[in-house]
């Protein structure tokens, strides 16, 4: 990765240093009280390199992501602001980008967003005025050119560090990483992936990205999960599109006398393995309905990860 700019944030600097980074994710509460959000995120301060706040995860309403990111920023926790294309047209998204820059938020994760039909208000109207690539390009133009797509000039400075999502697969012979290529071409600088708890698949997936030199152009953070139970492992495996949870992990959870402890240890061990894979810049820890496990897993993983020499 190229060196961080002097005005880069904590996450950008950590990635540029070559250190194995670990980010986390919290879903803002269904609440109007900032303390409810801080109760979920406070344990990650000084532990995670940055903390994602989701934007209507699962196509359900929560405390707004921009407000949640601001609360974390004020509490000394570096946020990653997730922005989905689902709910807002291009004008509203551009306004949110300007607002994020005004508030000093640097890290963005640009997403398509789940279809409202998957949520608890399925009659909600989806927007999808932009796709994720176009939204990435918009953020890049605001940052680098100081202008909106209409060519209107933007005053002030947007120090965005721009991320995208990707989905690891066990690549077939003729597979091409078209989606990630397009996001890199649009200007994405880091990518956080869906859960992939199979180290052999990670190695084959990353090796394929390396053939196209994508890992030289984008920092890849592999999604991992501290599982709470065999039941939750099966649910993620069967219901979260693109999530990879090997049967052997489900079996381990099934036969463990303390499934939650087992799930945390599996995640710590997996992060340690990830830290040895060339082309993997870090791990992104997500824990649906088990967010309390994240800080413990990251703290333990910090003690065992194999950090590379500085870039």
C-alpha atoms as a PDB file:
ATOM      1  CA  UNK A   1       0.000   0.000   0.000  1.00  0.00           C
ATOM      2  CA  UNK A   2       1.160   3.537  -0.660  1.00  0.00           C
ATOM      3  CA  UNK A   3       2.195   5.641   2.347  1.00  0.00           C
ATOM      4  CA  UNK A   4      -0.550   7.438   4.229  1.00  0.00           C
ATOM      5  CA  UNK A   5      -0.929  11.141   3.657  1.00  0.00           C
ATOM      6  CA  UNK A   6      -0.021  13.344   6.600  1.00  0.00           C
ATOM      7  CA  UNK A   7      -3.677  14.179   7.198  1.00  0.00           C
ATOM      8  CA  UNK A   8      -4.780  10.541   7.165  1.00  0.00           C
ATOM      9  CA  UNK A   9      -6.777   9.121  10.034  1.00  0.00           C
ATOM     10  CA  UNK A  10      -5.866   6.333  12.409  1.00  0.00           C
ATOM     11  CA  UNK A  11      -7.100   3.521  10.158  1.00  0.00           C
ATOM     12  CA  UNK A  12      -5.393   4.855   7.057  1.00  0.00           C
ATOM     13  CA  UNK A  13      -2.105   5.320   8.904  1.00  0.00           C
ATOM     14  CA  UNK A  14      -2.264   1.840  10.416  1.00  0.00           C
ATOM     15  CA  UNK A  15      -2.850   0.234   7.030  1.00  0.00           C
ATOM     16  CA  UNK A  16      -0.099   2.265   5.390  1.00  0.00           C
ATOM     17  CA  UNK A  17       2.361   1.177   8.092  1.00  0.00           C
ATOM     18  CA  UNK A  18       1.952  -2.460   7.069  1.00  0.00           C
ATOM     19  CA  UNK A  19       0.709  -3.446  10.523  1.00  0.00           C
ATOM     20  CA  UNK A  20      -2.054  -6.089  10.565  1.00  0.00           C
ATOM     21  CA  UNK A  21      -5.176  -4.076  11.367  1.00  0.00           C
ATOM     22  CA  UNK A  22      -8.349  -5.187  13.103  1.00  0.00           C
ATOM     23  CA  UNK A  23     -11.611  -3.308  12.717  1.00  0.00           C
ATOM     24  CA  UNK A  24     -14.955  -3.951  14.367  1.00  0.00           C
ATOM     25  CA  UNK A  25     -18.599  -3.336  13.650  1.00  0.00           C
ATOM     26  CA  UNK A  26     -21.546  -2.239  15.772  1.00  0.00           C
ATOM     27  CA  UNK A  27     -25.172  -1.823  14.800  1.00  0.00           C
ATOM     28  CA  UNK A  28     -26.500   1.449  16.213  1.00  0.00           C
ATOM     29  CA  UNK A  29     -29.360   0.839  18.645  1.00  0.00           C
ATOM     30  CA  UNK A  30     -33.012   1.571  18.069  1.00  0.00           C
ATOM     31  CA  UNK A  31     -32.645   4.495  20.416  1.00  0.00           C
ATOM     32  CA  UNK A  32     -32.524   8.270  20.720  1.00  0.00           C
ATOM     33  CA  UNK A  33     -29.965   8.036  23.533  1.00  0.00           C
ATOM     34  CA  UNK A  34     -26.255   8.339  22.721  1.00  0.00           C
ATOM     35  CA  UNK A  35     -25.405   6.399  25.884  1.00  0.00           C
ATOM     36  CA  UNK A  36     -27.084   3.318  24.421  1.00  0.00           C
ATOM     37  CA  UNK A  37     -24.672   3.451  21.487  1.00  0.00           C
ATOM     38  CA  UNK A  38     -21.660   4.101  23.694  1.00  0.00           C
ATOM     39  CA  UNK A  39     -22.577   1.138  25.873  1.00  0.00           C
ATOM     40  CA  UNK A  40     -22.124  -1.046  22.783  1.00  0.00           C
ATOM     41  CA  UNK A  41     -18.937   0.595  21.528  1.00  0.00           C
ATOM     42  CA  UNK A  42     -17.010   1.879  24.555  1.00  0.00           C
ATOM     43  CA  UNK A  43     -15.106  -1.386  25.056  1.00  0.00           C
ATOM     44  CA  UNK A  44     -13.637  -1.045  21.561  1.00  0.00           C
ATOM     45  CA  UNK A  45     -11.857   2.240  22.316  1.00  0.00           C
ATOM     46  CA  UNK A  46      -8.124   1.675  22.036  1.00  0.00           C
ATOM     47  CA  UNK A  47      -8.754  -1.920  20.969  1.00  0.00           C
ATOM     48  CA  UNK A  48     -10.087  -1.763  17.407  1.00  0.00           C
ATOM     49  CA  UNK A  49      -8.303   0.324  14.777  1.00  0.00           C
ATOM     50  CA  UNK A  50     -11.713   1.643  13.724  1.00  0.00           C
ATOM     51  CA  UNK A  51     -15.351   0.798  14.347  1.00  0.00           C
ATOM     52  CA  UNK A  52     -17.961   0.546  11.603  1.00  0.00           C
ATOM     53  CA  UNK A  53     -21.433   1.880  12.275  1.00  0.00           C
ATOM     54  CA  UNK A  54     -23.987   0.207  10.055  1.00  0.00           C
ATOM     55  CA  UNK A  55     -26.503   2.093   7.925  1.00  0.00           C
ATOM     56  CA  UNK A  56     -29.910   0.487   8.301  1.00  0.00           C
ATOM     57  CA  UNK A  57     -28.452  -3.010   8.621  1.00  0.00           C
ATOM     58  CA  UNK A  58     -30.845  -5.769   7.652  1.00  0.00           C
ATOM     59  CA  UNK A  59     -33.104  -3.118   6.060  1.00  0.00           C
ATOM     60  CA  UNK A  60     -34.245  -2.030   9.513  1.00  0.00           C
ATOM     61  CA  UNK A  61     -34.285   1.427  11.044  1.00  0.00           C
ATOM     62  CA  UNK A  62     -31.715   2.249  13.729  1.00  0.00           C
ATOM     63  CA  UNK A  63     -30.042   5.391  15.018  1.00  0.00           C
ATOM     64  CA  UNK A  64     -28.731   7.101  11.889  1.00  0.00           C
ATOM     65  CA  UNK A  65     -25.236   6.082  10.838  1.00  0.00           C
ATOM     66  CA  UNK A  66     -23.957   9.661  10.442  1.00  0.00           C
ATOM     67  CA  UNK A  67     -25.179  10.573  13.933  1.00  0.00           C
ATOM     68  CA  UNK A  68     -23.738   7.345  15.362  1.00  0.00           C
ATOM     69  CA  UNK A  69     -20.366   7.925  13.705  1.00  0.00           C
ATOM     70  CA  UNK A  70     -20.284  11.435  15.152  1.00  0.00           C
ATOM     71  CA  UNK A  71     -21.019  10.141  18.663  1.00  0.00           C
ATOM     72  CA  UNK A  72     -18.153   7.646  18.382  1.00  0.00           C
ATOM     73  CA  UNK A  73     -15.817  10.315  17.024  1.00  0.00           C
ATOM     74  CA  UNK A  74     -16.625  12.598  19.948  1.00  0.00           C
ATOM     75  CA  UNK A  75     -15.933   9.707  22.341  1.00  0.00           C
ATOM     76  CA  UNK A  76     -12.456   9.138  20.874  1.00  0.00           C
ATOM     77  CA  UNK A  77     -13.395   6.041  18.851  1.00  0.00           C
ATOM     78  CA  UNK A  78     -12.449   6.261  15.174  1.00  0.00           C
ATOM     79  CA  UNK A  79     -15.571   5.460  13.139  1.00  0.00           C
ATOM     80  CA  UNK A  80     -16.082   3.947   9.730  1.00  0.00           C
ATOM     81  CA  UNK A  81     -19.275   5.480   8.370  1.00  0.00           C
ATOM     82  CA  UNK A  82     -21.282   3.026   6.303  1.00  0.00           C
ATOM     83  CA  UNK A  83     -23.314   4.645   3.525  1.00  0.00           C
ATOM     84  CA  UNK A  84     -25.829   2.617   1.544  1.00  0.00           C
ATOM     85  CA  UNK A  85     -27.345   3.449  -1.817  1.00  0.00           C
ATOM     86  CA  UNK A  86     -30.685   1.964  -0.765  1.00  0.00           C
ATOM     87  CA  UNK A  87     -32.348   4.810   1.097  1.00  0.00           C
ATOM     88  CA  UNK A  88     -31.235   8.115  -0.435  1.00  0.00           C
ATOM     89  CA  UNK A  89     -30.998   9.624  -3.867  1.00  0.00           C
ATOM     90  CA  UNK A  90     -27.766  11.146  -5.125  1.00  0.00           C
ATOM     91  CA  UNK A  91     -28.571  14.595  -3.731  1.00  0.00           C
ATOM     92  CA  UNK A  92     -29.081  13.270  -0.203  1.00  0.00           C
ATOM     93  CA  UNK A  93     -25.969  11.088  -0.437  1.00  0.00           C
ATOM     94  CA  UNK A  94     -23.868  14.030  -1.602  1.00  0.00           C
ATOM     95  CA  UNK A  95     -25.206  16.099   1.280  1.00  0.00           C
ATOM     96  CA  UNK A  96     -24.314  13.315   3.732  1.00  0.00           C
ATOM     97  CA  UNK A  97     -20.787  13.163   2.335  1.00  0.00           C
ATOM     98  CA  UNK A  98     -20.392  16.901   2.849  1.00  0.00           C
ATOM     99  CA  UNK A  99     -21.821  16.570   6.339  1.00  0.00           C
ATOM    100  CA  UNK A 100     -19.443  13.727   7.199  1.00  0.00           C
ATOM    101  CA  UNK A 101     -16.453  15.776   6.052  1.00  0.00           C
ATOM    102  CA  UNK A 102     -17.688  18.763   8.065  1.00  0.00           C
ATOM    103  CA  UNK A 103     -17.847  16.579  11.171  1.00  0.00           C
ATOM    104  CA  UNK A 104     -14.305  15.282  10.613  1.00  0.00           C
ATOM    105  CA  UNK A 105     -15.324  11.754   9.663  1.00  0.00           C
ATOM    106  CA  UNK A 106     -12.706  10.269   7.357  1.00  0.00           C
ATOM    107  CA  UNK A 107     -13.480   6.591   6.859  1.00  0.00           C
ATOM    108  CA  UNK A 108     -16.334   5.573   4.581  1.00  0.00           C
ATOM    109  CA  UNK A 109     -17.630   2.133   3.665  1.00  0.00           C
ATOM    110  CA  UNK A 110     -19.802   2.416   0.584  1.00  0.00           C
ATOM    111  CA  UNK A 111     -22.457  -0.276   0.177  1.00  0.00           C
ATOM    112  CA  UNK A 112     -25.436  -1.100  -1.981  1.00  0.00           C
ATOM    113  CA  UNK A 113     -27.604  -1.929   1.037  1.00  0.00           C
ATOM    114  CA  UNK A 114     -30.060  -4.734   1.700  1.00  0.00           C
ATOM    115  CA  UNK A 115     -33.338  -4.651  -0.190  1.00  0.00           C
ATOM    116  CA  UNK A 116     -36.203  -3.396   2.034  1.00  0.00           C
ATOM    117  CA  UNK A 117     -38.131  -6.591   1.329  1.00  0.00           C
ATOM    118  CA  UNK A 118     -35.657  -8.327   3.659  1.00  0.00           C
ATOM    119  CA  UNK A 119     -36.491  -6.034   6.587  1.00  0.00           C
ATOM    120  CA  UNK A 120     -39.297  -5.480   9.037  1.00  0.00           C
ATOM    121  CA  UNK A 121     -41.035  -2.839   6.871  1.00  0.00           C
ATOM    122  CA  UNK A 122     -41.088  -4.575   3.481  1.00  0.00           C
ATOM    123  CA  UNK A 123     -43.357  -1.920   1.926  1.00  0.00           C
ATOM    124  CA  UNK A 124     -40.574   0.666   2.220  1.00  0.00           C
ATOM    125  CA  UNK A 125     -39.582   2.099  -1.156  1.00  0.00           C
ATOM    126  CA  UNK A 126     -35.994   1.405  -2.234  1.00  0.00           C
ATOM    127  CA  UNK A 127     -34.093   4.194  -3.993  1.00  0.00           C
ATOM    128  CA  UNK A 128     -30.851   2.843  -5.518  1.00  0.00           C
ATOM    129  CA  UNK A 129     -30.359   6.058  -7.488  1.00  0.00           C
ATOM    130  CA  UNK A 130     -26.616   5.308  -7.474  1.00  0.00           C
ATOM    131  CA  UNK A 131     -24.730   2.059  -7.311  1.00  0.00           C
ATOM    132  CA  UNK A 132     -21.758   1.670  -4.981  1.00  0.00           C
ATOM    133  CA  UNK A 133     -19.236   2.420  -7.718  1.00  0.00           C
ATOM    134  CA  UNK A 134     -20.908   5.723  -8.575  1.00  0.00           C
ATOM    135  CA  UNK A 135     -21.066   6.680  -4.893  1.00  0.00           C
ATOM    136  CA  UNK A 136     -17.355   5.894  -4.496  1.00  0.00           C
ATOM    137  CA  UNK A 137     -16.620   8.103  -7.509  1.00  0.00           C
ATOM    138  CA  UNK A 138     -18.695  10.889  -5.968  1.00  0.00           C
ATOM    139  CA  UNK A 139     -16.722  10.720  -2.707  1.00  0.00           C
ATOM    140  CA  UNK A 140     -13.440  10.722  -4.646  1.00  0.00           C
ATOM    141  CA  UNK A 141     -14.505  13.801  -6.637  1.00  0.00           C
ATOM    142  CA  UNK A 142     -15.443  15.692  -3.485  1.00  0.00           C
ATOM    143  CA  UNK A 143     -12.105  14.779  -1.894  1.00  0.00           C
ATOM    144  CA  UNK A 144      -9.730  15.167  -4.832  1.00  0.00           C
ATOM    145  CA  UNK A 145     -11.407  17.756  -7.064  1.00  0.00           C
ATOM    146  CA  UNK A 146     -13.473  19.678  -4.554  1.00  0.00           C
ATOM    147  CA  UNK A 147     -16.570  19.342  -6.689  1.00  0.00           C
ATOM    148  CA  UNK A 148     -19.932  17.621  -6.961  1.00  0.00           C
ATOM    149  CA  UNK A 149     -20.943  15.568 -10.021  1.00  0.00           C
ATOM    150  CA  UNK A 150     -22.783  18.669 -11.266  1.00  0.00           C
ATOM    151  CA  UNK A 151     -19.374  20.440 -11.285  1.00  0.00           C
ATOM    152  CA  UNK A 152     -20.452  22.752  -8.457  1.00  0.00           C
ATOM    153  CA  UNK A 153     -17.442  23.607  -6.332  1.00  0.00           C
ATOM    154  CA  UNK A 154     -17.147  22.371  -2.755  1.00  0.00           C
ATOM    155  CA  UNK A 155     -15.303  24.508  -0.239  1.00  0.00           C
ATOM    156  CA  UNK A 156     -13.459  23.055   2.727  1.00  0.00           C
ATOM    157  CA  UNK A 157     -11.604  19.750   2.832  1.00  0.00           C
ATOM    158  CA  UNK A 158     -12.860  16.155   2.747  1.00  0.00           C
ATOM    159  CA  UNK A 159     -10.110  13.775   3.925  1.00  0.00           C
ATOM    160  CA  UNK A 160     -11.976  10.624   2.981  1.00  0.00           C
ATOM    161  CA  UNK A 161     -10.462   7.147   3.213  1.00  0.00           C
ATOM    162  CA  UNK A 162     -12.843   5.152   1.071  1.00  0.00           C
ATOM    163  CA  UNK A 163     -13.821   1.538   1.495  1.00  0.00           C
ATOM    164  CA  UNK A 164     -15.960  -0.983  -0.347  1.00  0.00           C
ATOM    165  CA  UNK A 165     -17.319  -4.438   0.358  1.00  0.00           C
ATOM    166  CA  UNK A 166     -16.392  -7.721  -1.271  1.00  0.00           C
ATOM    167  CA  UNK A 167     -17.422 -11.351  -0.933  1.00  0.00           C
ATOM    168  CA  UNK A 168     -14.710 -14.035  -0.792  1.00  0.00           C
ATOM    169  CA  UNK A 169     -15.344 -17.160  -2.827  1.00  0.00           C
ATOM    170  CA  UNK A 170     -13.433 -20.310  -3.677  1.00  0.00           C
ATOM    171  CA  UNK A 171     -12.587 -19.103  -7.159  1.00  0.00           C
ATOM    172  CA  UNK A 172     -13.470 -21.361 -10.096  1.00  0.00           C
ATOM    173  CA  UNK A 173     -10.853 -21.701 -12.790  1.00  0.00           C
ATOM    174  CA  UNK A 174     -12.122 -18.873 -15.011  1.00  0.00           C
ATOM    175  CA  UNK A 175     -13.397 -16.566 -12.233  1.00  0.00           C
ATOM    176  CA  UNK A 176     -12.667 -12.879 -12.596  1.00  0.00           C
ATOM    177  CA  UNK A 177     -12.870 -10.458  -9.624  1.00  0.00           C
ATOM    178  CA  UNK A 178     -14.931  -8.009 -11.687  1.00  0.00           C
ATOM    179  CA  UNK A 179     -16.805  -6.415  -8.804  1.00  0.00           C
ATOM    180  CA  UNK A 180     -13.734  -5.592  -6.749  1.00  0.00           C
ATOM    181  CA  UNK A 181     -11.842  -4.446  -9.845  1.00  0.00           C
ATOM    182  CA  UNK A 182     -14.610  -1.966 -10.624  1.00  0.00           C
ATOM    183  CA  UNK A 183     -14.608  -0.622  -7.069  1.00  0.00           C
ATOM    184  CA  UNK A 184     -10.835  -0.213  -7.105  1.00  0.00           C
ATOM    185  CA  UNK A 185     -11.087   1.580 -10.444  1.00  0.00           C
ATOM    186  CA  UNK A 186     -13.732   3.870  -8.938  1.00  0.00           C
ATOM    187  CA  UNK A 187     -11.326   4.792  -6.129  1.00  0.00           C
ATOM    188  CA  UNK A 188     -11.829   2.361  -3.228  1.00  0.00           C
ATOM    189  CA  UNK A 189      -8.767   2.181  -0.970  1.00  0.00           C
ATOM    190  CA  UNK A 190      -9.763  -0.617   1.393  1.00  0.00           C
ATOM    191  CA  UNK A 191     -12.268  -3.460   1.318  1.00  0.00           C
ATOM    192  CA  UNK A 192     -14.039  -5.269   4.141  1.00  0.00           C
ATOM    193  CA  UNK A 193     -15.479  -8.642   3.226  1.00  0.00           C
ATOM    194  CA  UNK A 194     -18.364 -10.889   4.161  1.00  0.00           C
ATOM    195  CA  UNK A 195     -17.594 -13.617   6.715  1.00  0.00           C
ATOM    196  CA  UNK A 196     -15.082 -16.181   5.497  1.00  0.00           C
ATOM    197  CA  UNK A 197     -13.951 -18.586   8.214  1.00  0.00           C
ATOM    198  CA  UNK A 198     -12.151 -21.011   5.894  1.00  0.00           C
ATOM    199  CA  UNK A 199      -8.457 -20.191   5.686  1.00  0.00           C
ATOM    200  CA  UNK A 200      -7.880 -22.333   2.581  1.00  0.00           C
ATOM    201  CA  UNK A 201     -10.602 -20.456   0.693  1.00  0.00           C
ATOM    202  CA  UNK A 202      -9.116 -17.153   1.872  1.00  0.00           C
ATOM    203  CA  UNK A 203      -5.712 -18.180   0.522  1.00  0.00           C
ATOM    204  CA  UNK A 204      -7.124 -19.188  -2.865  1.00  0.00           C
ATOM    205  CA  UNK A 205      -9.324 -16.085  -3.103  1.00  0.00           C
ATOM    206  CA  UNK A 206      -6.469 -13.730  -2.205  1.00  0.00           C
ATOM    207  CA  UNK A 207      -4.060 -15.526  -4.552  1.00  0.00           C
ATOM    208  CA  UNK A 208      -6.520 -14.903  -7.370  1.00  0.00           C
ATOM    209  CA  UNK A 209      -6.754 -11.200  -6.469  1.00  0.00           C
ATOM    210  CA  UNK A 210      -2.957 -11.044  -6.440  1.00  0.00           C
ATOM    211  CA  UNK A 211      -2.846 -12.282 -10.019  1.00  0.00           C
ATOM    212  CA  UNK A 212      -4.536  -9.024 -11.005  1.00  0.00           C
ATOM    213  CA  UNK A 213      -2.376  -7.058  -8.532  1.00  0.00           C
ATOM    214  CA  UNK A 214      -5.493  -5.952  -6.686  1.00  0.00           C
ATOM    215  CA  UNK A 215      -3.944  -6.468  -3.258  1.00  0.00           C
ATOM    216  CA  UNK A 216      -1.291  -3.906  -4.259  1.00  0.00           C
ATOM    217  CA  UNK A 217      -4.035  -1.360  -4.858  1.00  0.00           C
ATOM    218  CA  UNK A 218      -6.483  -2.015  -2.035  1.00  0.00           C
ATOM    219  CA  UNK A 219      -6.143  -3.067   1.606  1.00  0.00           C
ATOM    220  CA  UNK A 220      -8.139  -6.245   2.144  1.00  0.00           C
ATOM    221  CA  UNK A 221      -9.781  -6.887   5.528  1.00  0.00           C
ATOM    222  CA  UNK A 222     -11.370 -10.323   5.813  1.00  0.00           C
ATOM    223  CA  UNK A 223     -14.663 -10.592   7.698  1.00  0.00           C
ATOM    224  CA  UNK A 224     -14.610 -12.905  10.736  1.00  0.00           C
ATOM    225  CA  UNK A 225     -17.144 -13.818  13.419  1.00  0.00           C
ATOM    226  CA  UNK A 226     -16.929 -14.950  17.052  1.00  0.00           C
ATOM    227  CA  UNK A 227     -19.769 -17.441  17.027  1.00  0.00           C
ATOM    228  CA  UNK A 228     -21.982 -17.769  20.064  1.00  0.00           C
ATOM    229  CA  UNK A 229     -23.469 -21.215  19.419  1.00  0.00           C
ATOM    230  CA  UNK A 230     -23.831 -23.946  16.833  1.00  0.00           C
ATOM    231  CA  UNK A 231     -27.305 -22.602  16.167  1.00  0.00           C
ATOM    232  CA  UNK A 232     -25.961 -19.142  15.318  1.00  0.00           C
ATOM    233  CA  UNK A 233     -23.268 -20.723  13.138  1.00  0.00           C
ATOM    234  CA  UNK A 234     -25.931 -22.577  11.160  1.00  0.00           C
ATOM    235  CA  UNK A 235     -28.067 -19.442  10.860  1.00  0.00           C
ATOM    236  CA  UNK A 236     -25.185 -17.389   9.453  1.00  0.00           C
ATOM    237  CA  UNK A 237     -24.186 -20.216   7.124  1.00  0.00           C
ATOM    238  CA  UNK A 238     -27.733 -20.645   5.783  1.00  0.00           C
ATOM    239  CA  UNK A 239     -29.144 -17.108   5.819  1.00  0.00           C
ATOM    240  CA  UNK A 240     -26.347 -14.579   5.262  1.00  0.00           C
ATOM    241  CA  UNK A 241     -25.636 -14.521   1.556  1.00  0.00           C
ATOM    242  CA  UNK A 242     -21.982 -15.201   0.819  1.00  0.00           C
ATOM    243  CA  UNK A 243     -20.986 -16.119   4.388  1.00  0.00           C
ATOM    244  CA  UNK A 244     -18.584 -19.063   4.584  1.00  0.00           C
ATOM    245  CA  UNK A 245     -18.669 -21.122   7.794  1.00  0.00           C
ATOM    246  CA  UNK A 246     -17.122 -24.601   7.342  1.00  0.00           C
ATOM    247  CA  UNK A 247     -19.050 -27.619   8.629  1.00  0.00           C
ATOM    248  CA  UNK A 248     -16.112 -28.521  10.863  1.00  0.00           C
ATOM    249  CA  UNK A 249     -16.593 -25.259  12.800  1.00  0.00           C
ATOM    250  CA  UNK A 250     -20.290 -25.992  13.232  1.00  0.00           C
ATOM    251  CA  UNK A 251     -19.373 -29.471  14.497  1.00  0.00           C
ATOM    252  CA  UNK A 252     -16.846 -28.024  16.954  1.00  0.00           C
ATOM    253  CA  UNK A 253     -19.494 -25.671  18.296  1.00  0.00           C
ATOM    254  CA  UNK A 254     -22.011 -28.510  18.497  1.00  0.00           C
ATOM    255  CA  UNK A 255     -19.755 -30.668  20.662  1.00  0.00           C
ATOM    256  CA  UNK A 256     -18.231 -27.979  22.837  1.00  0.00           C
ATOM    257  CA  UNK A 257     -19.033 -27.839  26.524  1.00  0.00           C
ATOM    258  CA  UNK A 258     -18.813 -24.029  26.326  1.00  0.00           C
ATOM    259  CA  UNK A 259     -19.856 -22.977  22.837  1.00  0.00           C
ATOM    260  CA  UNK A 260     -19.413 -19.247  23.365  1.00  0.00           C
ATOM    261  CA  UNK A 261     -15.845 -19.685  24.633  1.00  0.00           C
ATOM    262  CA  UNK A 262     -15.149 -22.063  21.748  1.00  0.00           C
ATOM    263  CA  UNK A 263     -16.489 -19.558  19.246  1.00  0.00           C
ATOM    264  CA  UNK A 264     -14.264 -16.802  20.571  1.00  0.00           C
ATOM    265  CA  UNK A 265     -11.176 -19.032  20.527  1.00  0.00           C
ATOM    266  CA  UNK A 266     -11.895 -20.180  16.972  1.00  0.00           C
ATOM    267  CA  UNK A 267     -12.099 -16.524  15.910  1.00  0.00           C
ATOM    268  CA  UNK A 268      -8.839 -15.585  17.670  1.00  0.00           C
ATOM    269  CA  UNK A 269      -7.043 -18.551  16.090  1.00  0.00           C
ATOM    270  CA  UNK A 270      -8.446 -17.669  12.690  1.00  0.00           C
ATOM    271  CA  UNK A 271      -7.287 -14.051  12.948  1.00  0.00           C
ATOM    272  CA  UNK A 272      -3.812 -15.354  13.784  1.00  0.00           C
ATOM    273  CA  UNK A 273      -3.910 -17.481  10.622  1.00  0.00           C
ATOM    274  CA  UNK A 274      -5.095 -14.526   8.540  1.00  0.00           C
ATOM    275  CA  UNK A 275      -2.128 -12.483   9.727  1.00  0.00           C
ATOM    276  CA  UNK A 276       0.194 -14.936   7.931  1.00  0.00           C
ATOM    277  CA  UNK A 277      -1.533 -14.686   4.536  1.00  0.00           C
ATOM    278  CA  UNK A 278       0.270 -12.362   2.094  1.00  0.00           C
ATOM    279  CA  UNK A 279      -2.164  -9.852   0.634  1.00  0.00           C
ATOM    280  CA  UNK A 280      -4.437  -9.739   3.691  1.00  0.00           C
ATOM    281  CA  UNK A 281      -4.128  -6.376   5.428  1.00  0.00           C
ATOM    282  CA  UNK A 282      -6.327  -7.204   8.390  1.00  0.00           C
ATOM    283  CA  UNK A 283      -9.522  -8.627   9.837  1.00  0.00           C
ATOM    284  CA  UNK A 284     -12.962  -7.109  10.227  1.00  0.00           C
ATOM    285  CA  UNK A 285     -14.789  -8.535  13.254  1.00  0.00           C
ATOM    286  CA  UNK A 286     -18.584  -8.684  13.101  1.00  0.00           C
ATOM    287  CA  UNK A 287     -20.736 -10.453  15.672  1.00  0.00           C
ATOM    288  CA  UNK A 288     -24.486 -10.432  14.993  1.00  0.00           C
ATOM    289  CA  UNK A 289     -26.328 -10.582  18.335  1.00  0.00           C
ATOM    290  CA  UNK A 290     -22.987 -11.116  20.088  1.00  0.00           C
ATOM    291  CA  UNK A 291     -21.299  -7.714  19.932  1.00  0.00           C
ATOM    292  CA  UNK A 292     -20.071  -8.049  23.502  1.00  0.00           C
ATOM    293  CA  UNK A 293     -17.551 -10.642  22.325  1.00  0.00           C
ATOM    294  CA  UNK A 294     -15.770  -8.355  19.882  1.00  0.00           C
ATOM    295  CA  UNK A 295     -13.470  -6.425  22.254  1.00  0.00           C
ATOM    296  CA  UNK A 296     -12.320  -9.621  23.979  1.00  0.00           C
ATOM    297  CA  UNK A 297     -11.563 -11.328  20.671  1.00  0.00           C
ATOM    298  CA  UNK A 298      -9.600  -8.364  19.312  1.00  0.00           C
ATOM    299  CA  UNK A 299      -7.611  -7.921  22.544  1.00  0.00           C
ATOM    300  CA  UNK A 300      -6.661 -11.594  22.523  1.00  0.00           C
ATOM    301  CA  UNK A 301      -5.877 -11.586  18.817  1.00  0.00           C
ATOM    302  CA  UNK A 302      -3.505  -8.624  19.258  1.00  0.00           C
ATOM    303  CA  UNK A 303      -1.287 -10.868  21.383  1.00  0.00           C
ATOM    304  CA  UNK A 304      -0.879 -13.532  18.724  1.00  0.00           C
ATOM    305  CA  UNK A 305      -1.067 -11.905  15.294  1.00  0.00           C
ATOM    306  CA  UNK A 306       2.023 -12.099  13.140  1.00  0.00           C
ATOM    307  CA  UNK A 307       2.761  -8.507  12.197  1.00  0.00           C
ATOM    308  CA  UNK A 308       4.796  -7.871   9.099  1.00  0.00           C
ATOM    309  CA  UNK A 309       7.666  -5.448   8.858  1.00  0.00           C
ATOM    310  CA  UNK A 310       6.598  -1.852   8.181  1.00  0.00           C
ATOM    311  CA  UNK A 311       6.002  -1.088   4.503  1.00  0.00           C
END
